[in-house]
N, C-alpha and C. Protein backbone atom coordinates (compact mmCIF):
# COMPACT_ATOMS: atom_id res chain seq x y z
N MET A 1 -3.27 31.54 5.49
CA MET A 1 -3.24 30.15 5.74
C MET A 1 -1.63 29.62 4.82
N ASN A 2 -1.14 30.24 3.72
CA ASN A 2 0.76 30.14 3.35
C ASN A 2 1.06 29.46 4.82
N ASN A 3 1.82 30.11 6.05
CA ASN A 3 2.61 29.72 6.90
C ASN A 3 1.90 28.65 7.95
N LEU A 4 1.24 27.70 7.44
CA LEU A 4 0.56 25.81 7.35
C LEU A 4 1.84 24.89 7.15
N ASN A 5 2.44 24.35 8.42
CA ASN A 5 3.29 23.51 7.31
C ASN A 5 2.95 22.54 7.00
N VAL A 6 2.24 21.89 6.10
CA VAL A 6 1.90 21.03 5.24
C VAL A 6 2.87 19.50 5.56
N GLN A 7 2.54 18.91 5.97
CA GLN A 7 3.65 17.13 6.06
C GLN A 7 2.72 16.05 5.36
N HIS A 8 3.84 14.76 5.28
CA HIS A 8 3.94 14.05 4.44
C HIS A 8 3.61 13.20 4.90
N ASP A 9 2.99 11.93 5.24
CA ASP A 9 3.62 10.01 5.61
C ASP A 9 2.60 9.84 4.73
N ILE A 10 4.84 9.52 4.02
CA ILE A 10 3.85 8.43 2.58
C ILE A 10 3.43 7.13 3.47
N ILE A 11 3.93 6.63 4.61
CA ILE A 11 3.59 5.37 5.36
C ILE A 11 2.15 5.01 5.35
N ASN A 12 1.32 6.53 5.84
CA ASN A 12 -0.22 5.60 6.02
C ASN A 12 -0.86 6.56 5.12
N HIS A 13 -0.29 7.40 4.09
CA HIS A 13 -0.53 7.57 3.07
C HIS A 13 -1.50 8.58 3.35
N LEU A 14 -1.53 10.14 3.88
CA LEU A 14 -1.97 11.17 4.19
C LEU A 14 -1.09 12.41 4.38
N PHE A 15 -1.71 13.28 4.42
CA PHE A 15 -1.49 14.73 4.12
C PHE A 15 -1.76 15.47 5.18
N TYR A 16 -0.93 15.86 5.92
CA TYR A 16 -1.65 16.63 7.64
C TYR A 16 -1.21 17.77 7.90
N ILE A 17 -1.81 18.56 9.11
CA ILE A 17 -1.22 19.53 8.93
C ILE A 17 -1.07 19.71 10.87
N LYS A 18 -0.19 20.10 11.80
CA LYS A 18 -0.81 20.29 13.28
C LYS A 18 -1.57 21.67 13.33
N VAL A 19 -2.87 21.74 13.64
CA VAL A 19 -3.68 23.23 13.80
C VAL A 19 -4.56 23.15 15.38
N LYS A 20 -4.89 24.08 15.94
CA LYS A 20 -5.40 24.91 17.02
C LYS A 20 -7.02 23.40 17.15
N GLY A 21 -6.28 23.15 17.76
CA GLY A 21 -7.46 21.72 18.06
C GLY A 21 -7.23 20.31 17.98
N GLY A 22 -5.75 20.15 17.17
CA GLY A 22 -5.81 18.47 16.85
C GLY A 22 -5.11 18.58 15.64
N THR A 23 -5.26 18.03 14.66
CA THR A 23 -4.43 18.04 13.58
C THR A 23 -5.76 18.22 12.26
N ALA A 24 -5.42 18.71 11.23
CA ALA A 24 -6.85 17.88 10.19
C ALA A 24 -5.74 17.50 9.28
N VAL A 25 -6.64 16.16 8.52
CA VAL A 25 -5.93 15.52 8.02
C VAL A 25 -6.71 15.27 6.63
N LEU A 26 -6.01 14.85 5.48
CA LEU A 26 -6.30 14.03 4.36
C LEU A 26 -5.92 12.64 4.52
N ASN A 27 -6.95 11.76 4.22
CA ASN A 27 -6.26 10.89 3.64
C ASN A 27 -6.27 10.04 2.31
N TYR A 28 -5.83 9.40 2.07
CA TYR A 28 -5.45 8.80 0.13
C TYR A 28 -4.97 6.81 0.49
N ASP A 29 -5.15 6.60 -0.74
CA ASP A 29 -5.01 5.83 -1.80
C ASP A 29 -4.12 5.70 -2.23
N GLN A 30 -3.40 4.86 -2.78
CA GLN A 30 -2.25 5.19 -3.49
C GLN A 30 -2.37 3.45 -4.71
N ILE A 31 -3.27 4.20 -6.02
CA ILE A 31 -4.24 3.67 -6.55
C ILE A 31 -2.54 2.45 -7.42
N ASP A 32 -1.56 3.12 -7.92
CA ASP A 32 -1.10 3.33 -8.81
C ASP A 32 0.46 3.62 -8.84
N GLU A 33 1.15 3.43 -9.85
CA GLU A 33 2.55 4.36 -9.11
C GLU A 33 2.01 6.21 -9.92
N LYS A 34 1.63 5.87 -10.30
CA LYS A 34 0.79 6.91 -11.28
C LYS A 34 -0.59 7.54 -11.14
N HIS A 35 -1.58 6.67 -9.84
CA HIS A 35 -3.16 7.24 -9.53
C HIS A 35 -2.71 7.41 -7.95
N LEU A 36 -3.20 8.67 -7.46
CA LEU A 36 -3.66 8.38 -6.00
C LEU A 36 -4.71 9.13 -5.83
N ASP A 37 -5.94 8.48 -5.06
CA ASP A 37 -7.25 8.54 -4.67
C ASP A 37 -7.89 9.55 -3.39
N TYR A 38 -7.79 10.61 -3.19
CA TYR A 38 -8.09 11.46 -1.88
C TYR A 38 -9.35 11.14 -1.47
N ILE A 39 -9.13 9.78 -0.61
CA ILE A 39 -10.44 9.96 0.10
C ILE A 39 -11.15 10.65 1.19
N SER A 40 -10.74 11.68 1.64
CA SER A 40 -11.43 12.21 2.79
C SER A 40 -9.92 13.20 3.78
N THR A 41 -11.03 14.53 4.15
CA THR A 41 -10.38 14.62 4.89
C THR A 41 -11.25 15.39 6.18
N HIS A 42 -10.59 16.13 6.52
CA HIS A 42 -10.56 16.37 8.36
C HIS A 42 -10.47 17.68 8.81
N VAL A 43 -11.02 18.01 9.38
CA VAL A 43 -9.92 19.62 10.07
C VAL A 43 -10.70 19.71 11.03
N PRO A 44 -10.26 19.43 12.74
CA PRO A 44 -11.03 20.10 14.12
C PRO A 44 -11.56 21.06 13.82
N GLU A 45 -13.13 20.99 14.53
CA GLU A 45 -13.51 22.18 14.59
C GLU A 45 -13.30 23.51 15.31
N ALA A 46 -12.13 23.41 15.98
CA ALA A 46 -11.71 24.52 16.58
C ALA A 46 -10.52 25.31 15.73
N SER A 47 -10.53 24.91 14.03
CA SER A 47 -10.34 25.07 13.05
C SER A 47 -10.69 25.58 11.69
N GLN A 48 -12.01 25.30 11.97
CA GLN A 48 -12.95 25.20 10.33
C GLN A 48 -13.46 26.16 10.15
N GLY A 49 -12.63 26.74 9.16
CA GLY A 49 -13.84 27.10 8.65
C GLY A 49 -12.35 28.51 8.97
N LEU A 50 -10.99 28.68 8.25
CA LEU A 50 -9.80 29.42 8.59
C LEU A 50 -9.06 29.05 7.69
N GLY A 51 -9.91 28.03 6.07
CA GLY A 51 -8.89 27.62 5.66
C GLY A 51 -7.75 26.88 5.40
N VAL A 52 -8.07 26.37 6.58
CA VAL A 52 -6.67 24.79 6.61
C VAL A 52 -7.49 23.76 5.55
N GLY A 53 -8.48 23.47 5.81
CA GLY A 53 -8.63 22.77 4.79
C GLY A 53 -8.47 22.62 3.25
N LYS A 54 -8.74 24.17 2.67
CA LYS A 54 -8.05 23.77 1.99
C LYS A 54 -6.85 23.98 1.19
N HIS A 55 -6.32 24.85 2.41
CA HIS A 55 -4.97 24.72 2.18
C HIS A 55 -4.19 23.27 2.29
N LEU A 56 -4.69 22.13 3.49
CA LEU A 56 -4.60 21.04 2.80
C LEU A 56 -4.70 20.29 1.96
N VAL A 57 -6.09 20.27 0.74
CA VAL A 57 -6.00 19.97 -0.06
C VAL A 57 -5.16 20.23 -0.99
N GLU A 58 -5.11 21.97 -1.59
CA GLU A 58 -4.05 23.05 -2.75
C GLU A 58 -2.69 21.78 -2.19
N ALA A 59 -2.33 21.15 -1.25
CA ALA A 59 -0.73 21.32 -0.61
C ALA A 59 -0.01 19.93 -1.18
N ALA A 60 -1.85 18.88 -1.03
CA ALA A 60 -2.08 17.43 -1.60
C ALA A 60 -1.93 17.88 -2.92
N LEU A 61 -2.77 18.24 -4.16
CA LEU A 61 -3.12 18.86 -5.34
C LEU A 61 -1.42 19.00 -5.93
N ASP A 62 -1.11 19.80 -5.41
CA ASP A 62 0.28 20.26 -5.34
C ASP A 62 1.50 18.96 -6.20
N TYR A 63 1.32 18.95 -4.07
CA TYR A 63 1.85 17.01 -4.51
C TYR A 63 1.97 16.32 -6.19
N ALA A 64 0.19 16.30 -6.24
CA ALA A 64 0.67 15.15 -7.30
C ALA A 64 0.28 15.68 -8.92
N LYS A 65 0.96 16.98 -8.76
CA LYS A 65 0.65 17.72 -9.37
C LYS A 65 1.84 17.42 -10.46
N GLU A 66 2.70 17.86 -9.26
CA GLU A 66 4.29 17.89 -9.48
C GLU A 66 5.37 16.85 -10.22
N ARG A 67 4.15 15.63 -9.37
CA ARG A 67 4.64 14.55 -10.10
C ARG A 67 3.75 13.93 -10.87
N ASP A 68 3.74 14.18 -11.62
CA ASP A 68 2.82 14.01 -13.05
C ASP A 68 1.95 13.09 -12.62
N MET A 69 1.59 12.55 -11.57
CA MET A 69 0.06 11.79 -10.94
C MET A 69 -1.21 12.93 -11.39
N ILE A 70 -1.42 11.49 -11.74
CA ILE A 70 -3.81 11.75 -11.63
C ILE A 70 -4.70 11.02 -10.37
N VAL A 71 -4.89 12.83 -10.36
CA VAL A 71 -5.58 12.91 -8.76
C VAL A 71 -7.58 11.85 -9.01
N LYS A 72 -8.05 11.29 -8.41
CA LYS A 72 -9.84 10.74 -8.43
C LYS A 72 -9.48 11.16 -7.17
N PRO A 73 -10.30 12.14 -7.20
CA PRO A 73 -11.04 12.92 -5.79
C PRO A 73 -12.69 12.66 -5.55
N THR A 74 -12.52 11.10 -4.37
CA THR A 74 -13.41 10.45 -3.66
C THR A 74 -14.41 11.32 -2.98
N CYS A 75 -12.70 12.66 -2.07
CA CYS A 75 -13.33 13.73 -1.06
C CYS A 75 -13.82 14.02 -1.58
N PRO A 76 -15.56 15.14 -1.21
CA PRO A 76 -16.59 16.02 -1.56
C PRO A 76 -15.59 17.38 -1.58
N PHE A 77 -14.48 17.40 -0.08
CA PHE A 77 -14.15 18.72 -0.03
C PHE A 77 -13.10 18.99 -1.38
N VAL A 78 -12.76 17.46 -1.64
CA VAL A 78 -11.52 17.50 -2.84
C VAL A 78 -11.99 18.44 -4.14
N LYS A 79 -12.93 17.44 -4.49
CA LYS A 79 -13.72 17.87 -5.18
C LYS A 79 -13.86 18.58 -5.37
N HIS A 80 -14.70 19.69 -4.19
CA HIS A 80 -14.83 21.10 -4.58
C HIS A 80 -13.76 22.50 -4.27
N VAL A 81 -12.23 21.55 -4.27
CA VAL A 81 -11.91 22.57 -3.86
C VAL A 81 -11.39 22.38 -5.32
N ILE A 82 -11.12 21.40 -6.32
CA ILE A 82 -11.09 21.15 -7.80
C ILE A 82 -11.81 21.51 -8.89
N GLU A 83 -13.02 22.02 -8.32
CA GLU A 83 -14.04 22.50 -9.12
C GLU A 83 -14.37 24.32 -9.06
N HIS A 84 -13.37 24.42 -8.43
CA HIS A 84 -13.09 26.11 -7.93
C HIS A 84 -12.26 26.42 -8.15
N SER A 85 -10.98 25.71 -9.19
CA SER A 85 -10.12 26.43 -9.20
C SER A 85 -9.49 25.44 -10.80
N ASP A 86 -8.79 26.97 -11.53
CA ASP A 86 -8.24 25.66 -12.91
C ASP A 86 -6.59 25.22 -12.87
N ALA A 87 -5.93 25.49 -11.83
CA ALA A 87 -4.77 24.91 -11.43
C ALA A 87 -5.18 23.38 -11.06
N TYR A 88 -5.68 22.84 -11.26
CA TYR A 88 -5.90 20.82 -11.50
C TYR A 88 -6.33 20.75 -12.18
N GLU A 89 -7.32 21.34 -12.93
CA GLU A 89 -8.22 20.60 -13.86
C GLU A 89 -7.14 19.24 -14.95
N GLN A 90 -5.94 19.79 -15.27
CA GLN A 90 -5.62 18.65 -15.87
C GLN A 90 -4.94 17.09 -15.32
N ILE A 91 -4.88 16.83 -14.31
CA ILE A 91 -4.70 16.17 -13.49
C ILE A 91 -6.02 15.53 -12.34
N VAL A 92 -6.51 15.72 -12.98
CA VAL A 92 -8.01 14.57 -12.63
C VAL A 92 -8.69 13.77 -13.08
N ASP A 93 -9.05 12.46 -12.50
CA ASP A 93 -9.16 11.29 -13.76
C ASP A 93 -11.04 11.28 -13.98
């Protein structure tokens, strides 16, 4: 899934990918300068089961990690991705 181009809409607080069936989206809140709350993810039905959601979440987590930010994983899917990777333990609230 590395060929997927994840975009970041900083104004509307979301990461997204144009995929078959529409747009996959991860919504977040900026709690303060160093804290993000990853609230929800959605992948269109036509693109589910292809790794799109995981790719989207990992890109959003990498964004936070690169900026030394802390993530609150409110979204169950974000929490699942974090729990199954050692790469993000240090940025989780």
